[in-house]
Amino acid sequence: MEVYAEKILVVDYEKKTRELISKRLTSLGYTVFLESNGEAALLTFLKELPDLVILDILLPKIDGYELCHKIRENSQIPIIILTALNDRADCIIGLNFGADDYIIKPFLPKELEARIRSVLRRSSNSRITSQHQSKNKQKLFKFGSFVVDFNRQQVFKNNLKVNLTNLEYSLLELLVTNAGISLSRKTILDNIWGYTPERYVDTRVVDVHISRLRAKLEIEPANPDLIMTVRGIGYKFQNCS
């Protein structure tokens, strides 16, 4: 059995949930930190610098939304939101605050483990890609006033740098390298998040991050000219040819 060495911060008000997650993850080799409120979790995050945060929304002192926002002010590490089955709107709000993914309670431990490996793998691949590209010749994608510098993993609009999260950059890179090609939500989810959707709600994570990208890149996000919606399929980046 493969053993993992990453550090994971689990923040959940329910003791039973914390203990269940901790038992599963420590058995796989992860170092796990447990907190029951947002204030203590923020201190632990700043002290231990974990590789991943698993975060419930309903927390005392500092709720999950604010904690997610504060973490994003300091770090691009992956964040997975936990929420109850009837609170899917919480997931969407959490994604808008900077979370990478969400999982609905009750969940199967194997499902959580798979999501964890997926986001950690993507985070690790992002660092490896950046180091590798720095040794290669500069590669640019240009579309009007829009430029993606693949070498430095930077994006510019009208000569101004656009600040993207690691996940947003990965999503944009997938769209740009397939410019003019319609990509389904399932394809995007599989390539960026690393899993196949089991429920329709799983694909909502794609829609939310596309919306966040448009808000940062488009002149009129509600009337995009870069990232186009393909009705009944998914999305595509405008063909530059």
Foldseek 3Di string as FASTA:
>chain_A
DAADEFEEEEEAQDPVVQVVLVVVNVVRHYHYHYYDALVVSLVCCVVVVTQEYEAEQDHPPAGRLRSLLVVVVPDLHAYEYEEEPVVLVVQLSSVVSPHQYYDYPPDDSVVVVQLVVQRSVLVVVLVVQQVVLCPDDWDWDDAPQWIATSNNLWIDGVNHTFDDRSLLSQLVVVQRVQAPDFAFLQRSCCRRSNDGDPDPSRSVSVVSSLLVNLVRHAPDSVDGDAWDADPPGGIHGHHRD
